[in-house]
N, C-alpha and C. Protein backbone atom coordinates (compact mmCIF):
# COMPACT_ATOMS: atom_id res chain seq x y z
N UNK A 1 0.72 -1.03 -0.18
CA UNK A 1 0.14 -0.23 0.34
C UNK A 1 0.74 1.26 -0.04
N UNK A 2 2.07 1.10 0.76
CA UNK A 2 2.73 2.35 0.76
C UNK A 2 3.33 2.53 -0.45
N UNK A 3 3.66 1.52 -1.35
CA UNK A 3 4.25 1.67 -2.42
C UNK A 3 3.09 2.15 -3.52
N UNK A 4 2.17 2.21 -3.64
CA UNK A 4 1.06 2.64 -4.30
C UNK A 4 0.69 3.97 -3.85
N UNK A 5 0.69 4.38 -2.77
CA UNK A 5 0.80 5.65 -2.26
C UNK A 5 1.70 6.53 -2.76
N UNK A 6 3.02 6.17 -2.69
CA UNK A 6 3.86 6.78 -3.47
C UNK A 6 3.88 7.09 -4.77
N UNK A 7 3.13 5.96 -5.40
CA UNK A 7 3.12 6.33 -7.04
C UNK A 7 2.12 7.01 -7.20
N UNK A 8 1.11 7.13 -6.45
CA UNK A 8 0.04 8.20 -6.42
C UNK A 8 0.44 9.37 -6.21
N UNK A 9 1.48 9.93 -5.23
CA UNK A 9 1.69 10.95 -5.10
C UNK A 9 2.98 11.50 -6.37
N UNK A 10 3.63 10.49 -6.73
CA UNK A 10 4.53 10.74 -7.74
C UNK A 10 3.60 11.18 -9.04
N UNK A 11 2.55 10.74 -9.29
CA UNK A 11 1.92 11.02 -10.26
C UNK A 11 0.77 12.10 -10.50
N UNK A 12 0.56 12.48 -8.92
CA UNK A 12 0.30 14.04 -8.80
C UNK A 12 1.24 14.88 -8.85
N UNK A 13 2.48 14.85 -8.58
CA UNK A 13 3.09 15.68 -8.75
C UNK A 13 3.60 15.83 -10.32
N UNK A 14 3.58 14.74 -11.19
CA UNK A 14 3.86 14.94 -12.69
C UNK A 14 2.51 15.72 -13.22
N UNK A 15 1.39 15.53 -12.55
CA UNK A 15 0.13 16.01 -13.28
C UNK A 15 0.17 17.36 -12.93
N UNK A 16 0.61 17.97 -11.51
CA UNK A 16 0.80 19.27 -11.25
C UNK A 16 1.59 20.04 -12.28
N UNK A 17 2.99 19.59 -12.37
CA UNK A 17 4.07 20.11 -13.34
C UNK A 17 3.65 20.27 -14.64
N UNK A 18 2.72 18.88 -15.18
CA UNK A 18 2.38 19.43 -16.58
C UNK A 18 1.30 20.57 -16.86
N UNK A 19 0.67 20.66 -15.63
CA UNK A 19 -0.56 21.94 -15.67
C UNK A 19 0.38 23.08 -15.67
N UNK A 20 1.38 23.21 -14.62
CA UNK A 20 2.03 24.41 -14.64
C UNK A 20 2.71 24.86 -16.05
N UNK A 21 3.19 23.76 -16.75
CA UNK A 21 4.29 24.01 -17.72
C UNK A 21 2.94 24.30 -19.00
N UNK A 22 1.76 23.64 -18.90
CA UNK A 22 0.63 23.93 -19.97
C UNK A 22 0.28 25.32 -20.09
N UNK A 23 0.42 26.24 -18.84
CA UNK A 23 -0.31 27.44 -18.58
C UNK A 23 0.91 28.53 -20.05
N UNK A 24 2.08 28.45 -19.78
CA UNK A 24 2.47 29.52 -20.59
C UNK A 24 2.32 28.97 -22.10
N UNK A 25 2.58 27.72 -22.53
CA UNK A 25 2.16 27.17 -23.72
C UNK A 25 1.04 27.69 -24.20
N UNK A 26 -0.32 27.63 -23.26
CA UNK A 26 -1.51 27.75 -23.67
C UNK A 26 -1.40 29.21 -23.99
N UNK A 27 -0.65 30.23 -22.93
CA UNK A 27 -0.84 31.58 -23.59
C UNK A 27 -0.19 31.66 -24.66
N UNK A 28 0.86 31.17 -25.14
CA UNK A 28 1.69 31.45 -26.31
C UNK A 28 0.75 31.17 -27.64
N UNK A 29 0.04 30.28 -27.27
CA UNK A 29 -0.88 29.42 -28.63
C UNK A 29 -2.11 30.69 -28.46
N UNK A 30 -2.54 30.91 -27.36
CA UNK A 30 -3.65 31.89 -27.36
C UNK A 30 -3.32 33.48 -28.14
N UNK A 31 -2.04 33.68 -27.58
CA UNK A 31 -1.72 34.93 -28.56
C UNK A 31 -1.38 34.91 -29.79
N UNK A 32 -0.79 33.83 -30.41
CA UNK A 32 -0.82 33.65 -31.65
C UNK A 32 -2.09 33.43 -32.60
N UNK A 33 -3.22 32.86 -31.76
CA UNK A 33 -4.51 32.78 -32.53
C UNK A 33 -4.96 34.22 -32.80
N UNK A 34 -4.65 35.12 -31.79
CA UNK A 34 -5.23 36.32 -31.40
C UNK A 34 -4.45 37.16 -32.88
N UNK A 35 -3.32 36.99 -32.85
CA UNK A 35 -2.40 37.49 -34.09
C UNK A 35 -3.00 37.11 -35.48
N UNK A 36 -3.25 35.96 -35.55
CA UNK A 36 -3.94 35.39 -36.88
C UNK A 36 -4.94 35.96 -37.22
N UNK A 37 -6.03 36.01 -35.88
CA UNK A 37 -7.37 36.46 -36.23
C UNK A 37 -7.35 37.86 -36.27
N UNK A 38 -6.35 38.81 -36.33
CA UNK A 38 -6.92 40.30 -36.11
C UNK A 38 -7.42 40.40 -37.81
N UNK A 39 -8.34 41.48 -38.04
CA UNK A 39 -8.69 41.90 -38.90
C UNK A 39 -7.69 42.53 -40.08
N UNK A 40 -7.99 42.22 -41.48
CA UNK A 40 -7.33 42.84 -42.25
C UNK A 40 -7.25 44.22 -42.70
N UNK A 41 -6.23 44.96 -42.46
CA UNK A 41 -6.59 46.57 -42.54
C UNK A 41 -7.42 47.16 -43.99
N UNK A 42 -7.60 46.34 -44.77
CA UNK A 42 -8.52 46.68 -45.93
C UNK A 42 -9.78 46.65 -45.28
N UNK A 43 -10.36 45.44 -44.74
CA UNK A 43 -11.48 45.36 -43.83
C UNK A 43 -12.10 46.92 -43.18
N UNK A 44 -11.04 47.33 -42.16
CA UNK A 44 -11.14 48.13 -41.27
C UNK A 44 -10.91 49.52 -42.22
N UNK A 45 -10.21 49.70 -43.23
CA UNK A 45 -10.35 51.08 -44.28
C UNK A 45 -11.77 51.32 -44.44
N UNK A 46 -12.60 49.93 -44.90
CA UNK A 46 -13.74 50.15 -45.35
C UNK A 46 -14.92 50.78 -44.22
N UNK A 47 -14.40 50.91 -42.87
CA UNK A 47 -15.73 50.95 -41.92
C UNK A 47 -14.81 52.26 -41.22
N UNK A 48 -14.54 53.22 -41.74
CA UNK A 48 -13.83 54.40 -40.82
C UNK A 48 -14.95 55.02 -40.27
N UNK A 49 -14.73 55.60 -38.96
CA UNK A 49 -15.78 56.62 -38.27
C UNK A 49 -16.05 57.79 -39.13
N UNK A 50 -17.39 58.33 -38.85
CA UNK A 50 -17.70 59.33 -39.76
C UNK A 50 -17.11 60.74 -39.44
N UNK A 51 -16.36 60.94 -38.43
CA UNK A 51 -15.67 62.03 -38.44
C UNK A 51 -14.14 61.90 -38.89
N UNK A 52 -13.98 61.12 -39.66
CA UNK A 52 -12.70 60.98 -40.51
C UNK A 52 -12.91 61.44 -41.77
N UNK A 53 -12.03 62.38 -41.96
CA UNK A 53 -12.08 62.91 -43.85
C UNK A 53 -10.76 62.30 -44.54
N UNK A 54 -11.18 62.01 -45.54
CA UNK A 54 -9.91 61.19 -46.35
C UNK A 54 -9.34 62.47 -47.08
N UNK A 55 -8.10 62.67 -47.07
CA UNK A 55 -7.51 63.54 -48.01
C UNK A 55 -6.14 63.02 -47.91
N UNK A 56 -6.09 61.70 -48.92
CA UNK A 56 -4.95 60.92 -49.12
C UNK A 56 -3.75 61.88 -49.96
N UNK A 57 -2.68 61.37 -49.58
CA UNK A 57 -1.43 62.31 -49.91
C UNK A 57 -1.18 61.58 -51.43
N UNK A 58 -0.58 62.12 -52.12
CA UNK A 58 -0.31 61.34 -53.43
C UNK A 58 0.99 60.43 -53.26
N UNK A 59 0.84 58.78 -53.80
CA UNK A 59 1.88 58.27 -53.82
C UNK A 59 3.04 58.65 -54.09
N UNK A 60 3.99 58.63 -53.47
CA UNK A 60 5.37 59.20 -53.92
C UNK A 60 6.51 58.63 -52.72
N UNK A 61 8.05 58.79 -52.99
CA UNK A 61 8.84 57.76 -52.11
C UNK A 61 8.73 58.53 -50.97
N UNK A 62 8.65 59.87 -50.45
CA UNK A 62 8.81 60.46 -49.61
C UNK A 62 8.03 60.51 -48.52
N UNK A 63 6.63 60.38 -48.61
CA UNK A 63 5.63 60.46 -47.85
C UNK A 63 4.69 59.41 -47.69
N UNK A 64 4.49 58.94 -48.86
CA UNK A 64 3.28 57.60 -49.08
C UNK A 64 3.85 56.67 -50.07
N UNK A 65 4.80 55.92 -49.48
CA UNK A 65 5.66 54.84 -50.70
C UNK A 65 4.71 54.08 -50.91
N UNK A 66 3.23 53.72 -50.49
CA UNK A 66 2.58 52.74 -50.93
C UNK A 66 2.97 51.31 -50.49
N UNK A 67 3.69 51.31 -49.79
CA UNK A 67 4.32 49.83 -49.34
C UNK A 67 2.76 49.26 -48.35
N UNK A 68 2.81 47.93 -48.50
CA UNK A 68 1.72 47.38 -48.07
C UNK A 68 1.59 47.04 -46.42
N UNK A 69 0.61 47.33 -45.69
CA UNK A 69 0.73 47.18 -44.12
C UNK A 69 -0.09 45.85 -44.19
N UNK A 70 0.30 44.72 -43.68
CA UNK A 70 -0.51 43.57 -43.96
C UNK A 70 -1.24 43.51 -42.63
N UNK A 71 -0.60 43.45 -41.23
CA UNK A 71 -1.02 43.12 -39.91
C UNK A 71 -0.83 44.55 -39.13
N UNK A 72 -1.86 44.84 -38.14
CA UNK A 72 -1.72 46.03 -36.97
C UNK A 72 -1.55 45.40 -35.96
N UNK A 73 -0.53 45.85 -35.31
CA UNK A 73 -0.12 45.22 -34.46
C UNK A 73 0.02 46.14 -32.84
N UNK A 74 -0.15 47.45 -33.42
CA UNK A 74 -0.14 48.78 -32.41
C UNK A 74 -0.33 49.78 -33.18
N UNK A 75 -0.65 50.90 -32.15
CA UNK A 75 -1.08 52.21 -32.47
C UNK A 75 -0.09 53.26 -31.76
N UNK A 76 0.63 54.16 -32.51
CA UNK A 76 1.69 55.21 -32.35
C UNK A 76 1.18 56.46 -32.54
N UNK A 77 1.10 57.01 -31.24
CA UNK A 77 0.55 58.50 -30.72
C UNK A 77 2.08 59.37 -30.80
N UNK A 78 1.73 60.55 -31.22
CA UNK A 78 2.78 61.61 -31.90
C UNK A 78 2.36 62.95 -31.63
N UNK A 79 3.06 63.68 -31.65
CA UNK A 79 2.37 65.50 -31.65
C UNK A 79 3.28 65.80 -32.85
N UNK A 80 2.90 66.98 -33.34
CA UNK A 80 3.08 67.70 -34.60
C UNK A 80 4.36 68.33 -34.50
N UNK A 81 4.78 68.77 -33.02
CA UNK A 81 5.79 69.61 -32.97
C UNK A 81 6.06 70.85 -33.76
N UNK A 82 4.80 71.40 -34.07
CA UNK A 82 4.64 72.81 -34.45
C UNK A 82 3.27 73.22 -33.97
N UNK A 83 3.39 74.27 -32.57
CA UNK A 83 2.00 74.70 -32.05
C UNK A 83 1.29 75.59 -32.84
N UNK A 84 0.27 75.29 -32.84
CA UNK A 84 -1.04 76.34 -33.52
C UNK A 84 -1.24 75.76 -34.79
N UNK A 85 -0.78 74.75 -35.11
CA UNK A 85 -1.03 74.60 -36.90
C UNK A 85 -2.22 73.67 -36.83
N UNK A 86 -3.03 73.62 -37.98
CA UNK A 86 -4.21 72.92 -38.13
C UNK A 86 -3.75 71.34 -38.63
N UNK A 87 -4.60 70.43 -38.54
CA UNK A 87 -4.49 68.92 -39.11
C UNK A 87 -4.49 69.56 -40.82
N UNK A 88 -5.17 70.10 -41.42
CA UNK A 88 -5.00 70.51 -42.62
C UNK A 88 -3.59 70.77 -43.45
N UNK A 89 -2.92 71.86 -42.19
CA UNK A 89 -1.77 72.43 -42.75
C UNK A 89 -0.70 71.35 -42.59
N UNK A 90 -0.77 70.50 -41.72
CA UNK A 90 0.09 69.34 -41.45
C UNK A 90 -0.06 68.11 -42.62
N UNK A 91 -1.35 68.17 -43.01
CA UNK A 91 -1.14 67.33 -44.15
C UNK A 91 -0.55 67.64 -45.36
N UNK A 92 -0.75 69.17 -45.62
CA UNK A 92 -0.33 69.46 -46.76
C UNK A 92 1.16 69.61 -46.55
N UNK A 93 2.07 69.80 -45.39
CA UNK A 93 3.03 69.70 -45.30
C UNK A 93 3.43 68.55 -45.75
N UNK A 94 3.24 67.23 -45.44
CA UNK A 94 3.63 65.68 -45.81
C UNK A 94 3.42 65.63 -47.20
N UNK A 95 2.29 66.52 -47.94
CA UNK A 95 2.20 65.86 -49.46
C UNK A 95 3.17 67.20 -50.17
N UNK A 96 3.79 68.15 -49.23
CA UNK A 96 4.84 68.92 -49.93
C UNK A 96 6.17 68.34 -49.98
N UNK A 97 6.40 67.07 -49.37
CA UNK A 97 7.57 66.36 -49.09
C UNK A 97 7.89 65.69 -50.31
N UNK A 98 6.66 65.61 -51.28
CA UNK A 98 6.78 64.59 -52.56
C UNK A 98 8.11 64.90 -53.61
N UNK A 99 8.36 66.16 -53.49
CA UNK A 99 9.74 66.23 -54.54
C UNK A 99 10.81 65.82 -54.08
N UNK A 100 11.32 65.56 -52.91
CA UNK A 100 12.26 65.29 -52.44
C UNK A 100 13.34 66.29 -52.16
N UNK A 101 12.93 67.44 -52.37
CA UNK A 101 14.13 68.66 -51.98
C UNK A 101 14.32 68.62 -50.86
N UNK A 102 13.52 68.10 -49.84
CA UNK A 102 13.95 68.61 -48.41
C UNK A 102 14.71 67.41 -47.95
N UNK A 103 14.44 66.47 -48.69
CA UNK A 103 15.34 65.01 -48.20
C UNK A 103 14.49 64.67 -46.86
N UNK A 104 13.32 64.75 -46.50
CA UNK A 104 12.76 64.10 -45.38
C UNK A 104 11.64 63.16 -45.63
N UNK A 105 11.69 62.11 -44.94
CA UNK A 105 10.47 61.18 -45.18
C UNK A 105 9.69 61.32 -43.88
N UNK A 106 8.23 61.68 -44.02
CA UNK A 106 7.49 61.98 -42.95
C UNK A 106 5.83 61.63 -43.44
N UNK A 107 5.11 61.30 -42.85
CA UNK A 107 3.77 61.16 -43.00
C UNK A 107 3.00 60.64 -41.59
N UNK A 108 1.64 60.34 -41.79
CA UNK A 108 1.01 59.41 -40.76
C UNK A 108 -0.19 59.15 -41.22
N UNK A 109 -0.79 58.05 -40.62
CA UNK A 109 -2.08 57.29 -40.63
C UNK A 109 -3.24 58.88 -40.86
N UNK A 110 -3.35 59.15 -39.84
CA UNK A 110 -4.24 60.10 -39.29
C UNK A 110 -3.75 61.28 -38.69
N UNK A 111 -4.37 62.77 -38.60
CA UNK A 111 -3.66 63.95 -37.93
C UNK A 111 -5.28 64.35 -37.28
N UNK A 112 -4.90 64.61 -35.75
CA UNK A 112 -6.15 64.96 -35.29
C UNK A 112 -5.85 66.47 -34.81
N UNK A 113 -6.67 67.50 -35.18
CA UNK A 113 -6.60 68.96 -35.32
C UNK A 113 -7.06 69.52 -33.96
N UNK A 114 -6.94 71.00 -33.89
CA UNK A 114 -7.08 71.84 -32.72
C UNK A 114 -8.53 71.62 -32.39
N UNK A 115 -9.28 71.53 -33.47
CA UNK A 115 -11.01 71.30 -33.32
C UNK A 115 -11.56 70.28 -33.35
N UNK A 116 -10.69 69.11 -33.09
CA UNK A 116 -11.25 67.70 -33.29
C UNK A 116 -11.45 66.95 -34.56
N UNK A 117 -11.00 67.64 -35.60
CA UNK A 117 -11.01 67.32 -36.78
C UNK A 117 -10.07 66.14 -36.99
N UNK A 118 -10.29 65.18 -37.74
CA UNK A 118 -9.77 63.88 -38.26
C UNK A 118 -9.62 64.05 -39.84
N UNK A 119 -8.24 63.87 -40.19
CA UNK A 119 -7.70 64.01 -41.70
C UNK A 119 -6.89 62.52 -41.70
N UNK A 120 -7.35 61.72 -42.64
CA UNK A 120 -6.43 60.44 -42.98
C UNK A 120 -5.51 61.10 -44.19
N UNK A 121 -4.52 60.70 -43.90
CA UNK A 121 -3.22 61.08 -45.08
C UNK A 121 -2.87 59.81 -45.82
N UNK A 122 -2.78 58.48 -45.09
CA UNK A 122 -2.36 57.30 -45.53
C UNK A 122 -3.66 56.39 -45.42
N UNK A 123 -3.79 55.36 -46.28
CA UNK A 123 -4.91 54.32 -45.96
C UNK A 123 -4.01 53.33 -45.28
N UNK A 124 -5.13 52.90 -44.07
CA UNK A 124 -4.59 51.57 -43.48
C UNK A 124 -4.19 50.28 -44.14
N UNK A 125 -4.36 50.42 -45.11
CA UNK A 125 -3.56 49.17 -46.12
C UNK A 125 -1.86 49.51 -46.47
N UNK A 126 -1.77 50.62 -45.78
CA UNK A 126 -0.08 50.96 -46.63
C UNK A 126 0.52 51.72 -44.93
N UNK A 127 1.79 51.48 -45.37
CA UNK A 127 2.59 52.16 -44.09
C UNK A 127 2.45 53.54 -44.21
N UNK A 128 2.87 54.57 -43.09
CA UNK A 128 3.26 55.67 -43.29
C UNK A 128 4.58 55.92 -42.54
N UNK A 129 5.32 56.56 -42.97
CA UNK A 129 6.41 57.37 -42.51
C UNK A 129 6.57 57.89 -40.99
N UNK A 130 6.33 57.34 -40.19
CA UNK A 130 6.00 57.87 -38.72
C UNK A 130 6.76 57.52 -37.45
N UNK A 131 6.52 55.99 -37.41
CA UNK A 131 7.38 55.51 -36.31
C UNK A 131 8.56 54.57 -36.53
N UNK A 132 9.34 54.86 -37.24
CA UNK A 132 10.44 54.27 -37.67
C UNK A 132 10.67 52.50 -37.68
N UNK A 133 11.23 51.91 -36.97
CA UNK A 133 11.19 50.61 -36.77
C UNK A 133 9.91 49.85 -36.81
N UNK A 134 8.66 50.74 -36.32
CA UNK A 134 7.28 49.94 -36.23
C UNK A 134 6.42 50.84 -37.09
N UNK A 135 7.08 51.30 -38.26
CA UNK A 135 6.13 51.59 -39.37
C UNK A 135 5.67 50.45 -40.09
N UNK A 136 6.13 49.22 -39.76
CA UNK A 136 5.62 47.93 -40.83
C UNK A 136 4.63 47.31 -40.27
N UNK A 137 4.11 47.61 -38.70
CA UNK A 137 2.94 47.09 -38.13
C UNK A 137 2.35 47.69 -37.30
N UNK A 138 2.09 48.91 -37.49
CA UNK A 138 1.30 50.13 -36.52
C UNK A 138 0.68 51.17 -37.60
N UNK A 139 -0.29 51.51 -36.78
CA UNK A 139 -0.85 52.88 -37.20
C UNK A 139 -0.75 53.88 -36.45
N UNK A 140 -0.26 55.11 -37.12
CA UNK A 140 0.37 56.16 -36.74
C UNK A 140 -0.68 57.47 -36.69
N UNK A 141 -0.88 57.80 -35.26
CA UNK A 141 -1.83 59.27 -35.26
C UNK A 141 -0.82 60.56 -34.89
N UNK A 142 -0.67 61.69 -35.75
CA UNK A 142 0.01 63.06 -35.15
C UNK A 142 -1.34 63.89 -34.93
N UNK A 143 -0.57 64.34 -33.79
CA UNK A 143 -1.79 65.27 -33.28
C UNK A 143 -1.29 66.56 -33.27
N UNK A 144 -1.90 67.51 -33.48
CA UNK A 144 -1.92 68.93 -33.37
C UNK A 144 -2.22 69.55 -31.52
N UNK A 145 -1.25 70.46 -31.25
CA UNK A 145 -1.37 71.25 -30.23
C UNK A 145 -1.30 72.53 -30.10
N UNK A 146 -1.69 73.33 -29.03
CA UNK A 146 -1.95 74.46 -29.24
C UNK A 146 -0.56 75.62 -28.92
N UNK A 147 0.16 74.72 -27.86
CA UNK A 147 1.53 75.42 -27.59
C UNK A 147 2.90 74.76 -27.72
N UNK A 148 3.75 75.26 -27.60
CA UNK A 148 5.23 74.48 -27.06
C UNK A 148 5.25 73.33 -26.15
N UNK A 149 4.31 73.32 -24.90
CA UNK A 149 4.38 72.51 -24.05
C UNK A 149 3.88 70.85 -24.76
N UNK A 150 2.89 71.02 -25.69
CA UNK A 150 2.34 69.88 -26.32
C UNK A 150 1.61 68.84 -25.82
N UNK A 151 0.60 69.28 -25.17
CA UNK A 151 -0.17 68.64 -24.33
C UNK A 151 -1.56 68.90 -25.30
N UNK A 152 -2.13 67.88 -25.65
CA UNK A 152 -3.41 68.01 -26.38
C UNK A 152 -4.51 68.62 -25.77
N UNK A 153 -5.05 69.87 -26.43
CA UNK A 153 -6.25 70.65 -25.80
C UNK A 153 -7.50 69.76 -25.84
N UNK A 154 -8.38 69.99 -24.84
CA UNK A 154 -9.32 69.21 -24.42
C UNK A 154 -10.35 68.51 -25.48
N UNK A 155 -10.60 69.24 -26.35
CA UNK A 155 -11.48 68.83 -27.54
C UNK A 155 -10.42 67.79 -28.66
N UNK A 156 -9.27 68.23 -28.60
CA UNK A 156 -8.68 67.22 -29.50
C UNK A 156 -8.02 66.05 -28.81
N UNK A 157 -7.96 66.14 -27.61
CA UNK A 157 -7.59 64.89 -26.39
C UNK A 157 -8.94 63.90 -26.76
N UNK A 158 -10.12 64.45 -26.62
CA UNK A 158 -11.44 63.59 -26.53
C UNK A 158 -11.43 62.83 -27.97
N UNK A 159 -11.00 63.60 -29.06
CA UNK A 159 -11.25 63.00 -30.14
C UNK A 159 -9.82 61.86 -30.59
N UNK A 160 -8.71 62.05 -30.17
CA UNK A 160 -7.93 61.10 -30.11
C UNK A 160 -7.99 59.85 -29.06
N UNK A 161 -8.74 59.70 -28.10
CA UNK A 161 -9.41 58.89 -27.35
C UNK A 161 -10.46 57.83 -28.31
N UNK A 162 -11.30 58.93 -28.56
CA UNK A 162 -12.27 58.08 -29.38
C UNK A 162 -11.53 57.29 -30.75
N UNK A 163 -10.90 58.24 -31.32
CA UNK A 163 -10.19 57.60 -32.75
C UNK A 163 -9.45 56.27 -32.37
N UNK A 164 -8.57 56.39 -31.10
CA UNK A 164 -7.54 55.17 -30.41
C UNK A 164 -8.26 54.09 -30.39
N UNK A 165 -9.54 54.52 -29.57
CA UNK A 165 -10.31 53.26 -28.76
C UNK A 165 -11.12 52.78 -30.06
N UNK A 166 -11.36 53.20 -31.01
CA UNK A 166 -12.25 52.88 -32.18
C UNK A 166 -10.76 51.83 -32.97
N UNK A 167 -9.82 52.48 -33.32
CA UNK A 167 -8.73 51.64 -33.77
C UNK A 167 -8.77 50.14 -33.05
N UNK A 168 -8.65 50.18 -31.53
CA UNK A 168 -8.14 49.29 -31.13
C UNK A 168 -9.24 48.47 -31.20
N UNK A 169 -10.40 48.65 -31.16
CA UNK A 169 -11.49 47.64 -31.22
C UNK A 169 -11.50 47.07 -32.54
N UNK A 170 -11.22 47.86 -33.68
CA UNK A 170 -11.51 47.42 -34.81
C UNK A 170 -10.07 46.16 -35.19
N UNK A 171 -9.12 46.58 -34.83
CA UNK A 171 -7.71 45.73 -34.64
C UNK A 171 -7.55 44.36 -33.67
N UNK A 172 -8.52 44.62 -32.84
CA UNK A 172 -8.56 43.72 -31.56
C UNK A 172 -7.12 44.27 -30.63
N UNK A 173 -6.99 45.30 -30.17
CA UNK A 173 -5.87 45.54 -29.38
C UNK A 173 -5.95 45.99 -28.01
N UNK A 174 -5.15 45.97 -27.53
CA UNK A 174 -4.99 45.79 -25.59
C UNK A 174 -4.43 47.08 -25.73
N UNK A 175 -5.46 48.41 -25.14
CA UNK A 175 -4.81 49.78 -25.09
C UNK A 175 -3.44 49.90 -24.08
N UNK A 176 -3.49 49.12 -23.06
CA UNK A 176 -2.59 49.16 -22.22
C UNK A 176 -1.07 48.58 -22.87
N UNK A 177 -1.19 47.54 -23.69
CA UNK A 177 -0.29 47.05 -24.38
C UNK A 177 0.26 47.81 -25.57
N UNK A 178 -0.63 47.97 -26.25
CA UNK A 178 -0.61 47.98 -27.81
C UNK A 178 -0.59 49.61 -28.22
N UNK A 179 -0.92 50.48 -27.36
CA UNK A 179 -1.22 51.84 -27.91
C UNK A 179 0.02 52.38 -26.89
N UNK A 180 1.35 52.98 -27.97
CA UNK A 180 2.42 53.55 -27.57
C UNK A 180 2.87 54.68 -27.88
N UNK A 181 3.75 55.60 -27.38
CA UNK A 181 4.38 56.79 -27.93
C UNK A 181 5.50 56.83 -29.07
N UNK A 182 5.89 57.72 -29.71
CA UNK A 182 7.17 57.55 -30.48
C UNK A 182 8.18 57.25 -29.73
N UNK A 183 8.29 57.94 -28.65
CA UNK A 183 8.91 57.91 -27.69
C UNK A 183 9.52 56.52 -27.16
N UNK A 184 8.58 55.68 -27.33
CA UNK A 184 8.47 54.32 -26.72
C UNK A 184 9.56 53.38 -27.94
N UNK A 185 9.32 53.83 -29.12
CA UNK A 185 10.22 53.35 -30.34
C UNK A 185 11.29 53.85 -30.34
N UNK A 186 11.70 55.06 -30.18
CA UNK A 186 12.91 55.62 -30.49
C UNK A 186 13.90 56.48 -29.64
N UNK A 187 12.71 56.93 -28.63
CA UNK A 187 14.03 57.78 -27.14
C UNK A 187 13.35 58.97 -28.03
N UNK A 188 12.60 59.27 -28.95
CA UNK A 188 12.72 60.87 -29.32
C UNK A 188 11.65 61.49 -28.34
N UNK A 189 11.56 62.83 -28.10
CA UNK A 189 10.49 63.49 -27.05
C UNK A 189 9.39 63.75 -27.77
N UNK A 190 8.44 62.53 -27.91
CA UNK A 190 7.36 62.56 -29.04
C UNK A 190 6.17 61.52 -28.59
N UNK A 191 5.06 62.00 -27.86
CA UNK A 191 4.55 63.25 -28.03
C UNK A 191 4.95 63.95 -26.41
N UNK A 192 5.66 65.24 -26.93
CA UNK A 192 6.49 65.61 -25.66
C UNK A 192 5.96 65.57 -24.10
N UNK A 193 4.64 66.25 -24.31
CA UNK A 193 3.96 66.67 -22.76
C UNK A 193 3.75 65.36 -22.57
N UNK A 194 3.62 64.02 -23.18
CA UNK A 194 2.91 62.88 -22.79
C UNK A 194 4.30 61.81 -22.11
N UNK A 195 5.31 62.47 -22.70
CA UNK A 195 6.95 62.04 -22.16
C UNK A 195 7.27 62.32 -20.83
N UNK A 196 7.10 63.83 -20.98
CA UNK A 196 7.32 64.56 -19.89
C UNK A 196 6.52 64.47 -18.57
N UNK A 197 5.08 64.08 -18.47
CA UNK A 197 4.36 63.66 -17.93
C UNK A 197 3.45 62.42 -17.97
N UNK A 198 4.63 61.42 -17.27
CA UNK A 198 4.16 59.98 -17.40
C UNK A 198 2.66 59.63 -17.04
N UNK A 199 2.10 60.66 -16.10
CA UNK A 199 0.96 60.65 -15.46
C UNK A 199 0.11 60.80 -16.14
N UNK A 200 -0.19 61.85 -17.15
CA UNK A 200 -0.71 62.34 -18.18
C UNK A 200 -0.88 61.38 -19.18
N UNK A 201 0.18 60.22 -19.36
CA UNK A 201 0.09 59.39 -20.64
C UNK A 201 -0.53 58.10 -19.88
N UNK A 202 -0.27 57.85 -18.67
CA UNK A 202 -1.26 56.84 -18.02
C UNK A 202 -2.59 57.11 -17.95
N UNK A 203 -3.29 58.14 -17.87
CA UNK A 203 -4.24 58.84 -17.56
C UNK A 203 -5.11 58.66 -19.24
N UNK A 204 -4.45 58.95 -20.28
CA UNK A 204 -4.70 58.88 -21.36
C UNK A 204 -5.17 57.49 -21.89
N UNK A 205 -4.03 56.44 -21.69
CA UNK A 205 -4.67 55.16 -21.82
C UNK A 205 -5.70 54.60 -21.07
N UNK A 206 -5.93 54.93 -19.63
CA UNK A 206 -7.14 54.76 -18.97
C UNK A 206 -8.13 55.14 -19.48
N UNK A 207 -8.25 56.18 -20.30
CA UNK A 207 -9.43 56.93 -20.74
C UNK A 207 -9.77 56.17 -22.13
N UNK A 208 -8.85 55.83 -22.93
CA UNK A 208 -8.94 54.87 -24.06
C UNK A 208 -9.55 53.64 -23.43
N UNK A 209 -8.78 52.82 -22.50
CA UNK A 209 -9.60 51.49 -22.45
C UNK A 209 -10.98 51.72 -21.93
N UNK A 210 -11.37 52.69 -20.99
CA UNK A 210 -12.79 53.22 -20.86
C UNK A 210 -13.49 53.34 -22.13
N UNK A 211 -13.20 53.88 -23.09
CA UNK A 211 -13.69 54.22 -24.22
C UNK A 211 -14.05 53.06 -25.15
N UNK A 212 -12.92 52.00 -25.19
CA UNK A 212 -13.07 50.70 -25.86
C UNK A 212 -14.38 50.03 -25.17
N UNK A 213 -14.48 50.06 -23.62
CA UNK A 213 -15.54 49.27 -23.37
C UNK A 213 -16.83 50.02 -23.67
N UNK A 214 -17.01 51.35 -23.71
CA UNK A 214 -18.30 52.21 -24.13
C UNK A 214 -18.46 51.73 -25.63
N UNK A 215 -17.71 51.75 -26.30
CA UNK A 215 -17.83 51.49 -27.65
C UNK A 215 -18.25 50.10 -28.24
N UNK A 216 -17.84 49.42 -26.99
CA UNK A 216 -18.33 47.70 -27.25
C UNK A 216 -19.80 47.64 -26.61
N UNK A 217 -19.95 48.45 -25.60
CA UNK A 217 -21.23 48.35 -25.00
C UNK A 217 -22.38 48.96 -26.07
N UNK A 218 -21.97 49.97 -26.62
CA UNK A 218 -22.87 50.76 -27.65
C UNK A 218 -23.28 49.68 -28.88
N UNK A 219 -22.60 48.76 -29.79
CA UNK A 219 -22.76 48.24 -30.30
C UNK A 219 -24.05 47.19 -30.34
N UNK A 220 -24.56 47.20 -31.51
CA UNK A 220 -25.77 46.50 -31.64
C UNK A 220 -25.78 45.34 -31.30
């Protein structure tokens, strides 16, 4: 009987060990399934919110190369770095780069303006020149700001939260993990205010997460 008990205890230990080892494996498999099941950007492009005005850049080497964006794994927030300028003015700046005279590569998928307007510069099916090594798997949002400090004005911030939450919903992203700053990619001071004030960045992410839940609850 003692031998059987030892066998039973040994078997239980093996089962517990297998269960422990299975947890990370299951987590990896679940993450892989999620990545594979993320929607095609072309599908999301067809369902943009009404607030978005499409004013796409001409295809060119410097600001809209036309390279395919096959999977979206994150959203990168920026600031335009040019206080008081509008979304349209910044869109036009990106367009002006097409002749290559300035030797600058720059663009973004969306620009959110000082009055909450949203201009789309690059379709979600293509990369934008905004986030360096993350251009190939992220959607970029440039954000206008009223002064050098770089904080988003209230109406602008509200629209940023709404748009970012919508994109998280559409691409099945986690705001806490998948919404990042340009700073988090390259160390650049962008968006400046939200790098210098990490508590403001944390609050912004919390608001995005709450908006994701609100948008999900409002779905028919």
